[in-house]
C-alpha atoms as a PDB file:
ATOM      1  CA  MET A   1       0.000   0.000   0.000  1.00  0.00           C
ATOM      2  CA  THR A   2       2.809   2.393   0.949  1.00  0.00           C
ATOM      3  CA  THR A   3       4.755   1.544  -2.190  1.00  0.00           C
ATOM      4  CA  ALA A   4       1.689   2.186  -4.343  1.00  0.00           C
ATOM      5  CA  LEU A   5       1.107   5.568  -2.689  1.00  0.00           C
ATOM      6  CA  ARG A   6       4.738   6.557  -3.198  1.00  0.00           C
ATOM      7  CA  SER A   7       4.542   5.507  -6.814  1.00  0.00           C
ATOM      8  CA  ALA A   8       1.380   7.546  -7.362  1.00  0.00           C
ATOM      9  CA  ALA A   9       2.901  10.569  -5.601  1.00  0.00           C
ATOM     10  CA  GLY A  10       6.008  10.275  -7.768  1.00  0.00           C
ATOM     11  CA  ARG A  11       3.938  10.199 -10.931  1.00  0.00           C
ATOM     12  CA  SER A  12       1.895  13.237  -9.850  1.00  0.00           C
ATOM     13  CA  ALA A  13       5.061  15.164  -8.970  1.00  0.00           C
ATOM     14  CA  ALA A  14       6.706  14.352 -12.286  1.00  0.00           C
ATOM     15  CA  ARG A  15       7.266  17.321 -14.563  1.00  0.00           C
ATOM     16  CA  PRO A  16       4.745  17.439 -17.425  1.00  0.00           C
ATOM     17  CA  ARG A  17       6.036  16.844 -20.913  1.00  0.00           C
ATOM     18  CA  LYS A  18       6.948  19.943 -22.848  1.00  0.00           C
ATOM     19  CA  PRO A  19       4.381  20.574 -25.610  1.00  0.00           C
ATOM     20  CA  ARG A  20       5.601  20.335 -29.155  1.00  0.00           C
ATOM     21  CA  PRO A  21       5.696  23.437 -31.367  1.00  0.00           C
ATOM     22  CA  SER A  22       2.519  23.927 -33.344  1.00  0.00           C
ATOM     23  CA  PRO A  23       2.666  23.350 -37.113  1.00  0.00           C
ATOM     24  CA  PHE A  24       1.325  26.851 -37.674  1.00  0.00           C
ATOM     25  CA  GLY A  25       4.120  28.443 -35.643  1.00  0.00           C
ATOM     26  CA  LEU A  26       6.737  26.376 -37.446  1.00  0.00           C
ATOM     27  CA  GLY A  27       5.251  27.353 -40.803  1.00  0.00           C
ATOM     28  CA  VAL A  28       5.312  31.060 -39.928  1.00  0.00           C
ATOM     29  CA  GLY A  29       8.938  30.777 -38.813  1.00  0.00           C
ATOM     30  CA  VAL A  30       9.980  28.993 -42.010  1.00  0.00           C
ATOM     31  CA  VAL A  31       8.231  31.580 -44.198  1.00  0.00           C
ATOM     32  CA  ALA A  32       9.837  34.476 -42.264  1.00  0.00           C
ATOM     33  CA  ILE A  33      13.316  32.957 -42.634  1.00  0.00           C
ATOM     34  CA  ALA A  34      12.744  32.286 -46.345  1.00  0.00           C
ATOM     35  CA  LEU A  35      11.639  35.878 -46.984  1.00  0.00           C
ATOM     36  CA  THR A  36      14.658  37.183 -45.079  1.00  0.00           C
ATOM     37  CA  VAL A  37      17.046  35.072 -47.146  1.00  0.00           C
ATOM     38  CA  VAL A  38      15.344  36.074 -50.395  1.00  0.00           C
ATOM     39  CA  THR A  39      15.495  39.805 -49.653  1.00  0.00           C
ATOM     40  CA  ALA A  40      19.118  39.543 -48.493  1.00  0.00           C
ATOM     41  CA  PHE A  41      20.198  38.850 -52.070  1.00  0.00           C
ATOM     42  CA  ASP A  42      19.298  40.285 -55.438  1.00  0.00           C
ATOM     43  CA  TRP A  43      16.288  38.021 -55.973  1.00  0.00           C
ATOM     44  CA  ARG A  44      13.875  40.923 -56.247  1.00  0.00           C
ATOM     45  CA  PHE A  45      10.789  39.341 -57.784  1.00  0.00           C
ATOM     46  CA  GLY A  46       9.781  42.780 -59.026  1.00  0.00           C
ATOM     47  CA  THR A  47       9.786  44.484 -55.624  1.00  0.00           C
ATOM     48  CA  GLY A  48      13.181  46.215 -55.825  1.00  0.00           C
ATOM     49  CA  LEU A  49      13.667  45.693 -52.057  1.00  0.00           C
ATOM     50  CA  THR A  50      16.931  44.097 -50.909  1.00  0.00           C
ATOM     51  CA  PHE A  51      19.032  44.213 -47.766  1.00  0.00           C
ATOM     52  CA  ARG A  52      22.084  44.670 -49.957  1.00  0.00           C
ATOM     53  CA  GLY A  53      20.578  47.892 -51.269  1.00  0.00           C
ATOM     54  CA  PHE A  54      20.145  49.155 -47.712  1.00  0.00           C
ATOM     55  CA  ILE A  55      23.766  48.350 -46.901  1.00  0.00           C
ATOM     56  CA  ASP A  56      25.023  50.070 -50.053  1.00  0.00           C
ATOM     57  CA  ASN A  57      22.988  53.193 -49.286  1.00  0.00           C
ATOM     58  CA  PHE A  58      24.260  53.473 -45.729  1.00  0.00           C
ATOM     59  CA  GLY A  59      27.815  52.795 -46.814  1.00  0.00           C
ATOM     60  CA  GLY A  60      27.842  55.774 -49.196  1.00  0.00           C
ATOM     61  CA  ARG A  61      28.255  59.452 -48.434  1.00  0.00           C
ATOM     62  CA  ASN A  62      25.177  60.805 -46.686  1.00  0.00           C
ATOM     63  CA  SER A  63      25.039  64.555 -46.020  1.00  0.00           C
ATOM     64  CA  VAL A  64      22.194  64.165 -43.518  1.00  0.00           C
ATOM     65  CA  ILE A  65      24.092  61.705 -41.304  1.00  0.00           C
ATOM     66  CA  ALA A  66      27.369  63.620 -41.716  1.00  0.00           C
ATOM     67  CA  ALA A  67      25.721  66.760 -40.298  1.00  0.00           C
ATOM     68  CA  ILE A  68      24.910  65.151 -36.925  1.00  0.00           C
ATOM     69  CA  PRO A  69      28.247  66.055 -35.233  1.00  0.00           C
ATOM     70  CA  ARG A  70      27.871  69.628 -36.483  1.00  0.00           C
ATOM     71  CA  ALA A  71      24.305  70.114 -35.214  1.00  0.00           C
ATOM     72  CA  ASP A  72      23.568  73.820 -34.770  1.00  0.00           C
ATOM     73  CA  LEU A  73      22.658  73.914 -31.082  1.00  0.00           C
ATOM     74  CA  ASP A  74      22.197  77.677 -31.275  1.00  0.00           C
ATOM     75  CA  GLN A  75      18.701  76.873 -32.504  1.00  0.00           C
ATOM     76  CA  MET A  76      17.781  76.209 -28.876  1.00  0.00           C
ATOM     77  CA  PHE A  77      18.302  79.897 -28.118  1.00  0.00           C
ATOM     78  CA  SER A  78      16.380  81.262 -31.099  1.00  0.00           C
ATOM     79  CA  ALA A  79      13.188  83.061 -30.091  1.00  0.00           C
ATOM     80  CA  ARG A  80      11.390  81.937 -33.237  1.00  0.00           C
ATOM     81  CA  ASP A  81      12.262  78.284 -32.688  1.00  0.00           C
ATOM     82  CA  ARG A  82      11.276  78.433 -29.019  1.00  0.00           C
ATOM     83  CA  GLY A  83       7.956  79.881 -30.120  1.00  0.00           C
ATOM     84  CA  ALA A  84       7.534  77.014 -32.581  1.00  0.00           C
ATOM     85  CA  PHE A  85       8.163  74.526 -29.770  1.00  0.00           C
ATOM     86  CA  LEU A  86       5.571  76.226 -27.597  1.00  0.00           C
ATOM     87  CA  ASP A  87       3.140  76.006 -30.513  1.00  0.00           C
ATOM     88  CA  THR A  88       3.891  72.287 -30.808  1.00  0.00           C
ATOM     89  CA  VAL A  89       3.234  71.681 -27.118  1.00  0.00           C
ATOM     90  CA  GLY A  90       0.077  73.786 -27.302  1.00  0.00           C
ATOM     91  CA  ILE A  91      -1.193  71.835 -30.311  1.00  0.00           C
ATOM     92  CA  ALA A  92      -0.568  68.555 -28.483  1.00  0.00           C
ATOM     93  CA  VAL A  93      -2.258  69.747 -25.273  1.00  0.00           C
ATOM     94  CA  ILE A  94      -5.379  71.215 -26.904  1.00  0.00           C
ATOM     95  CA  SER A  95      -5.930  68.287 -29.255  1.00  0.00           C
ATOM     96  CA  SER A  96      -5.343  65.748 -26.473  1.00  0.00           C
ATOM     97  CA  VAL A  97      -7.716  67.384 -24.000  1.00  0.00           C
ATOM     98  CA  ALA A  98     -10.483  67.867 -26.569  1.00  0.00           C
ATOM     99  CA  GLY A  99     -10.034  64.374 -27.999  1.00  0.00           C
ATOM    100  CA  THR A 100     -10.050  62.836 -24.523  1.00  0.00           C
ATOM    101  CA  LEU A 101     -13.367  64.491 -23.627  1.00  0.00           C
ATOM    102  CA  VAL A 102     -15.048  63.338 -26.845  1.00  0.00           C
ATOM    103  CA  ALA A 103     -13.542  59.842 -26.763  1.00  0.00           C
ATOM    104  CA  LEU A 104     -15.086  58.796 -23.420  1.00  0.00           C
ATOM    105  CA  PRO A 105     -18.771  58.849 -24.452  1.00  0.00           C
ATOM    106  CA  LEU A 106     -17.893  57.500 -27.899  1.00  0.00           C
ATOM    107  CA  ALA A 107     -16.005  54.602 -26.289  1.00  0.00           C
ATOM    108  CA  LEU A 108     -18.890  53.841 -23.928  1.00  0.00           C
ATOM    109  CA  TRP A 109     -21.445  53.895 -26.741  1.00  0.00           C
ATOM    110  CA  SER A 110     -19.212  51.628 -28.848  1.00  0.00           C
ATOM    111  CA  THR A 111     -19.697  48.708 -26.436  1.00  0.00           C
ATOM    112  CA  ARG A 112     -22.546  46.383 -25.652  1.00  0.00           C
ATOM    113  CA  LEU A 113     -22.475  47.374 -21.981  1.00  0.00           C
ATOM    114  CA  GLY A 114     -22.359  51.111 -22.586  1.00  0.00           C
ATOM    115  CA  ALA A 115     -24.736  51.635 -25.494  1.00  0.00           C
ATOM    116  CA  PRO A 116     -28.383  52.234 -24.530  1.00  0.00           C
ATOM    117  CA  TYR A 117     -29.616  50.824 -27.852  1.00  0.00           C
ATOM    118  CA  ARG A 118     -28.198  48.547 -30.504  1.00  0.00           C
ATOM    119  CA  TRP A 119     -28.289  51.221 -33.204  1.00  0.00           C
ATOM    120  CA  VAL A 120     -26.264  53.542 -30.973  1.00  0.00           C
ATOM    121  CA  GLU A 121     -23.559  50.881 -30.631  1.00  0.00           C
ATOM    122  CA  VAL A 122     -23.458  50.243 -34.386  1.00  0.00           C
ATOM    123  CA  THR A 123     -23.317  53.978 -35.168  1.00  0.00           C
ATOM    124  CA  ALA A 124     -20.581  54.673 -32.612  1.00  0.00           C
ATOM    125  CA  ARG A 125     -18.509  51.733 -33.833  1.00  0.00           C
ATOM    126  CA  GLY A 126     -18.898  52.942 -37.412  1.00  0.00           C
ATOM    127  CA  ILE A 127     -17.765  56.454 -36.504  1.00  0.00           C
ATOM    128  CA  GLY A 128     -14.756  55.088 -34.653  1.00  0.00           C
ATOM    129  CA  SER A 129     -13.811  52.852 -37.582  1.00  0.00           C
ATOM    130  CA  VAL A 130     -14.003  55.765 -40.026  1.00  0.00           C
ATOM    131  CA  ILE A 131     -11.859  57.999 -37.809  1.00  0.00           C
ATOM    132  CA  ARG A 132      -9.249  55.260 -37.316  1.00  0.00           C
ATOM    133  CA  SER A 133      -9.028  54.596 -41.045  1.00  0.00           C
ATOM    134  CA  PHE A 134      -7.404  58.022 -41.620  1.00  0.00           C
ATOM    135  CA  PRO A 135      -3.810  58.467 -40.387  1.00  0.00           C
ATOM    136  CA  ASP A 136      -2.824  61.704 -38.693  1.00  0.00           C
ATOM    137  CA  VAL A 137      -0.926  62.983 -41.754  1.00  0.00           C
ATOM    138  CA  LEU A 138      -3.963  62.513 -43.982  1.00  0.00           C
ATOM    139  CA  TRP A 139      -6.154  64.363 -41.478  1.00  0.00           C
ATOM    140  CA  ALA A 140      -3.598  67.186 -41.511  1.00  0.00           C
ATOM    141  CA  LEU A 141      -3.590  67.366 -45.319  1.00  0.00           C
ATOM    142  CA  ILE A 142      -7.390  67.491 -45.358  1.00  0.00           C
ATOM    143  CA  PHE A 143      -7.586  70.308 -42.812  1.00  0.00           C
ATOM    144  CA  VAL A 144      -4.705  72.250 -44.392  1.00  0.00           C
ATOM    145  CA  ALA A 145      -6.658  72.203 -47.640  1.00  0.00           C
ATOM    146  CA  ALA A 146      -9.842  73.197 -45.791  1.00  0.00           C
ATOM    147  CA  VAL A 147      -8.662  75.966 -43.429  1.00  0.00           C
ATOM    148  CA  GLY A 148      -5.153  76.829 -44.611  1.00  0.00           C
ATOM    149  CA  VAL A 149      -1.663  76.505 -43.161  1.00  0.00           C
ATOM    150  CA  GLY A 150      -1.164  77.064 -39.436  1.00  0.00           C
ATOM    151  CA  ALA A 151      -1.782  75.611 -35.999  1.00  0.00           C
ATOM    152  CA  LEU A 152      -5.538  75.097 -36.493  1.00  0.00           C
ATOM    153  CA  PRO A 153      -5.259  72.215 -38.995  1.00  0.00           C
ATOM    154  CA  GLY A 154      -2.662  70.628 -36.710  1.00  0.00           C
ATOM    155  CA  VAL A 155      -5.034  70.824 -33.745  1.00  0.00           C
ATOM    156  CA  LEU A 156      -7.937  69.402 -35.763  1.00  0.00           C
ATOM    157  CA  ALA A 157      -5.828  66.570 -37.201  1.00  0.00           C
ATOM    158  CA  LEU A 158      -4.490  65.470 -33.815  1.00  0.00           C
ATOM    159  CA  PHE A 159      -7.946  65.936 -32.256  1.00  0.00           C
ATOM    160  CA  PHE A 160      -9.311  63.204 -34.518  1.00  0.00           C
ATOM    161  CA  PHE A 161      -6.161  61.144 -33.994  1.00  0.00           C
ATOM    162  CA  SER A 162      -6.692  61.334 -30.216  1.00  0.00           C
ATOM    163  CA  ILE A 163     -10.300  60.235 -30.593  1.00  0.00           C
ATOM    164  CA  ALA A 164      -9.195  57.250 -32.666  1.00  0.00           C
ATOM    165  CA  VAL A 165      -6.595  56.087 -30.141  1.00  0.00           C
ATOM    166  CA  ILE A 166      -8.477  56.678 -26.888  1.00  0.00           C
ATOM    167  CA  THR A 167     -11.824  55.399 -28.142  1.00  0.00           C
ATOM    168  CA  LYS A 168     -10.401  52.066 -29.267  1.00  0.00           C
ATOM    169  CA  LEU A 169      -8.350  51.435 -26.119  1.00  0.00           C
ATOM    170  CA  THR A 170     -11.110  52.548 -23.733  1.00  0.00           C
ATOM    171  CA  ALA A 171     -13.780  50.492 -25.504  1.00  0.00           C
ATOM    172  CA  ASP A 172     -11.607  47.387 -25.172  1.00  0.00           C
ATOM    173  CA  THR A 173     -11.284  48.142 -21.457  1.00  0.00           C
ATOM    174  CA  VAL A 174     -15.055  48.493 -21.034  1.00  0.00           C
ATOM    175  CA  ASP A 175     -15.605  45.082 -22.595  1.00  0.00           C
ATOM    176  CA  GLY A 176     -13.408  43.492 -19.912  1.00  0.00           C
ATOM    177  CA  ILE A 177     -14.767  45.097 -16.729  1.00  0.00           C
ATOM    178  CA  ASP A 178     -16.353  43.250 -13.800  1.00  0.00           C
ATOM    179  CA  THR A 179     -20.088  42.862 -14.394  1.00  0.00           C
ATOM    180  CA  GLY A 180     -20.899  42.544 -10.678  1.00  0.00           C
ATOM    181  CA  PRO A 181     -21.393  46.292 -10.102  1.00  0.00           C
ATOM    182  CA  LEU A 182     -23.574  46.416 -13.212  1.00  0.00           C
ATOM    183  CA  GLU A 183     -25.821  43.704 -11.844  1.00  0.00           C
ATOM    184  CA  ALA A 184     -26.025  45.532  -8.517  1.00  0.00           C
ATOM    185  CA  ALA A 185     -26.969  48.756 -10.306  1.00  0.00           C
ATOM    186  CA  ASP A 186     -29.687  46.940 -12.271  1.00  0.00           C
ATOM    187  CA  ALA A 187     -31.015  45.371  -9.073  1.00  0.00           C
ATOM    188  CA  SER A 188     -31.253  48.792  -7.418  1.00  0.00           C
ATOM    189  CA  GLY A 189     -33.293  50.165 -10.330  1.00  0.00           C
ATOM    190  CA  SER A 190     -30.650  52.548 -11.698  1.00  0.00           C
ATOM    191  CA  GLY A 191     -31.154  54.071 -15.123  1.00  0.00           C
ATOM    192  CA  HIS A 192     -28.701  53.572 -17.938  1.00  0.00           C
ATOM    193  CA  THR A 193     -26.828  56.838 -17.358  1.00  0.00           C
ATOM    194  CA  GLN A 194     -26.640  56.212 -13.603  1.00  0.00           C
ATOM    195  CA  LYS A 195     -25.350  52.701 -14.241  1.00  0.00           C
ATOM    196  CA  LEU A 196     -22.578  54.003 -16.476  1.00  0.00           C
ATOM    197  CA  ARG A 197     -21.625  56.700 -13.984  1.00  0.00           C
ATOM    198  CA  THR A 198     -21.585  54.471 -10.893  1.00  0.00           C
ATOM    199  CA  ALA A 199     -20.647  51.004 -12.186  1.00  0.00           C
ATOM    200  CA  VAL A 200     -18.656  51.466 -15.422  1.00  0.00           C
ATOM    201  CA  VAL A 201     -16.752  54.739 -15.343  1.00  0.00           C
ATOM    202  CA  PRO A 202     -15.128  54.148 -11.907  1.00  0.00           C
ATOM    203  CA  GLN A 203     -13.717  50.844 -13.167  1.00  0.00           C
ATOM    204  CA  ILE A 204     -12.233  52.254 -16.371  1.00  0.00           C
ATOM    205  CA  LEU A 205     -11.126  55.654 -15.021  1.00  0.00           C
ATOM    206  CA  PRO A 206      -7.494  54.691 -14.215  1.00  0.00           C
ATOM    207  CA  ALA A 207      -6.995  53.082 -17.624  1.00  0.00           C
ATOM    208  CA  TYR A 208      -8.770  55.973 -19.328  1.00  0.00           C
ATOM    209  CA  ALA A 209      -6.432  58.479 -17.667  1.00  0.00           C
ATOM    210  CA  SER A 210      -3.445  56.413 -18.749  1.00  0.00           C
ATOM    211  CA  PHE A 211      -4.735  56.322 -22.339  1.00  0.00           C
ATOM    212  CA  ALA A 212      -5.179  60.099 -22.282  1.00  0.00           C
ATOM    213  CA  LEU A 213      -1.548  60.603 -21.242  1.00  0.00           C
ATOM    214  CA  TYR A 214      -0.463  58.100 -23.870  1.00  0.00           C
ATOM    215  CA  ALA A 215      -2.404  60.010 -26.538  1.00  0.00           C
ATOM    216  CA  PHE A 216      -0.723  63.236 -25.434  1.00  0.00           C
ATOM    217  CA  GLU A 217       2.709  61.636 -25.859  1.00  0.00           C
ATOM    218  CA  LEU A 218       1.722  60.392 -29.318  1.00  0.00           C
ATOM    219  CA  ASN A 219       0.359  63.805 -30.275  1.00  0.00           C
ATOM    220  CA  LEU A 220       3.545  65.531 -29.185  1.00  0.00           C
ATOM    221  CA  ARG A 221       5.567  63.359 -31.552  1.00  0.00           C
ATOM    222  CA  ALA A 222       2.984  63.360 -34.336  1.00  0.00           C
ATOM    223  CA  SER A 223       2.770  67.161 -34.241  1.00  0.00           C
ATOM    224  CA  VAL A 224       6.208  67.300 -35.896  1.00  0.00           C
ATOM    225  CA  VAL A 225       5.053  65.284 -38.900  1.00  0.00           C
ATOM    226  CA  VAL A 226       1.757  67.186 -39.012  1.00  0.00           C
ATOM    227  CA  GLY A 227       3.685  70.456 -38.961  1.00  0.00           C
ATOM    228  CA  ILE A 228       5.816  69.405 -41.916  1.00  0.00           C
ATOM    229  CA  VAL A 229       2.702  69.194 -44.104  1.00  0.00           C
ATOM    230  CA  GLY A 230       1.405  72.580 -42.922  1.00  0.00           C
ATOM    231  CA  GLY A 231       0.023  71.979 -39.436  1.00  0.00           C
ATOM    232  CA  GLY A 232       2.206  74.528 -37.658  1.00  0.00           C
ATOM    233  CA  GLY A 233       4.613  74.071 -34.775  1.00  0.00           C
ATOM    234  CA  ILE A 234       8.194  72.861 -34.928  1.00  0.00           C
ATOM    235  CA  GLY A 235       7.463  70.749 -37.994  1.00  0.00           C
ATOM    236  CA  SER A 236       6.972  73.892 -40.044  1.00  0.00           C
ATOM    237  CA  ARG A 237      10.407  75.135 -38.942  1.00  0.00           C
ATOM    238  CA  LEU A 238      11.997  71.848 -39.927  1.00  0.00           C
ATOM    239  CA  GLU A 239      10.406  72.106 -43.341  1.00  0.00           C
ATOM    240  CA  PHE A 240      11.541  75.729 -43.643  1.00  0.00           C
ATOM    241  CA  PHE A 241      15.195  74.866 -43.009  1.00  0.00           C
ATOM    242  CA  ARG A 242      15.048  71.833 -45.268  1.00  0.00           C
ATOM    243  CA  ASN A 243      13.706  73.828 -48.218  1.00  0.00           C
ATOM    244  CA  ASN A 244      15.329  77.261 -47.837  1.00  0.00           C
ATOM    245  CA  TYR A 245      18.901  76.707 -46.655  1.00  0.00           C
ATOM    246  CA  PRO A 246      21.617  75.662 -49.140  1.00  0.00           C
ATOM    247  CA  GLY A 247      23.992  72.709 -48.869  1.00  0.00           C
ATOM    248  CA  ALA A 248      24.742  71.012 -45.576  1.00  0.00           C
ATOM    249  CA  ASP A 249      23.834  74.070 -43.479  1.00  0.00           C
ATOM    250  CA  ARG A 250      20.184  73.134 -43.569  1.00  0.00           C
ATOM    251  CA  TRP A 251      20.825  69.700 -42.037  1.00  0.00           C
ATOM    252  CA  GLU A 252      22.929  71.227 -39.258  1.00  0.00           C
ATOM    253  CA  LYS A 253      20.016  73.482 -38.342  1.00  0.00           C
ATOM    254  CA  VAL A 254      17.553  70.608 -38.667  1.00  0.00           C
ATOM    255  CA  TRP A 255      19.613  68.459 -36.293  1.00  0.00           C
ATOM    256  CA  GLY A 256      19.787  71.370 -33.846  1.00  0.00           C
ATOM    257  CA  LEU A 257      15.992  71.417 -33.740  1.00  0.00           C
ATOM    258  CA  VAL A 258      15.918  67.637 -33.416  1.00  0.00           C
ATOM    259  CA  VAL A 259      18.204  67.771 -30.371  1.00  0.00           C
ATOM    260  CA  MET A 260      15.972  70.392 -28.806  1.00  0.00           C
ATOM    261  CA  PHE A 261      12.877  68.344 -29.538  1.00  0.00           C
ATOM    262  CA  VAL A 262      14.434  65.205 -28.004  1.00  0.00           C
ATOM    263  CA  ILE A 263      15.144  67.142 -24.795  1.00  0.00           C
ATOM    264  CA  VAL A 264      11.570  68.446 -24.650  1.00  0.00           C
ATOM    265  CA  VAL A 265      10.086  65.007 -25.300  1.00  0.00           C
ATOM    266  CA  PHE A 266      12.319  63.418 -22.647  1.00  0.00           C
ATOM    267  CA  ILE A 267      11.208  65.925 -20.016  1.00  0.00           C
ATOM    268  CA  ILE A 268       7.528  65.520 -20.890  1.00  0.00           C
ATOM    269  CA  ASP A 269       7.887  61.727 -20.861  1.00  0.00           C
ATOM    270  CA  ARG A 270       9.291  61.852 -17.325  1.00  0.00           C
ATOM    271  CA  VAL A 271       6.400  64.021 -16.174  1.00  0.00           C
ATOM    272  CA  SER A 272       3.887  61.755 -17.922  1.00  0.00           C
ATOM    273  CA  ILE A 273       5.333  58.632 -16.295  1.00  0.00           C
ATOM    274  CA  ALA A 274       5.130  60.254 -12.856  1.00  0.00           C
ATOM    275  CA  LEU A 275       1.493  61.226 -13.435  1.00  0.00           C
ATOM    276  CA  ARG A 276       0.621  57.774 -14.748  1.00  0.00           C
ATOM    277  CA  ARG A 277       2.075  56.111 -11.650  1.00  0.00           C
ATOM    278  CA  ARG A 278      -0.150  58.257  -9.455  1.00  0.00           C
ATOM    279  CA  LEU A 279      -3.284  57.760 -11.528  1.00  0.00           C
ATOM    280  CA  VAL A 280      -3.088  54.037 -12.311  1.00  0.00           C
END
């Protein structure tokens, strides 16, 4: 009896057998390796994309890369460039705050738990899908054509970009909340709006605040690209130097602005991380 118990205990304590790799995973790995090998040589198959071409390009003389050690750091002390940076931060702040306020109800209505009626859920999901289908640069080009060059098209473009990001992330959070408080709210006879305010929003508020800060960080970076196409801010200064200064001088000034932008982004990232730790 004792021997049988020891044998059973030994079998139960034995380490389970390691599962074998799935055929699908192996197939994906083989295809990825094959594509890497193909693109590493001159077997182009009509795409014109090869790793060898990348290596040849980086091995040649590149005036943009060569200008990095000679970055014009005096740009950090230029009043016009400091003003452009303030415009960039302002664009990111305004678009993030406005997008965050609009994204919360849209995210709630995009879910089965938050929508009061089925048609509201379908409509909200459709609006979110349409907004997400346009990248921030395309939104900027549309608004530059509509209202002209300046900070306003940048704000409008990143406003819609913020809605796209926060709505999607918040809606996914709503779908995964604890349904116990919802059942308690239903049992107490709460209306739909009261149920959202007391049982849903408190559960998603920390994640929602984190998504808002994340959208602000994205908008701060995206504002540079938006500015290049006419959305104002530091991107417009980068485009000015790239188009109006001769030779390598333009890249030295561009890299000076890039260094300044990296410093600003680093500082704002530190502040954002500290806020996120307190909120989440």
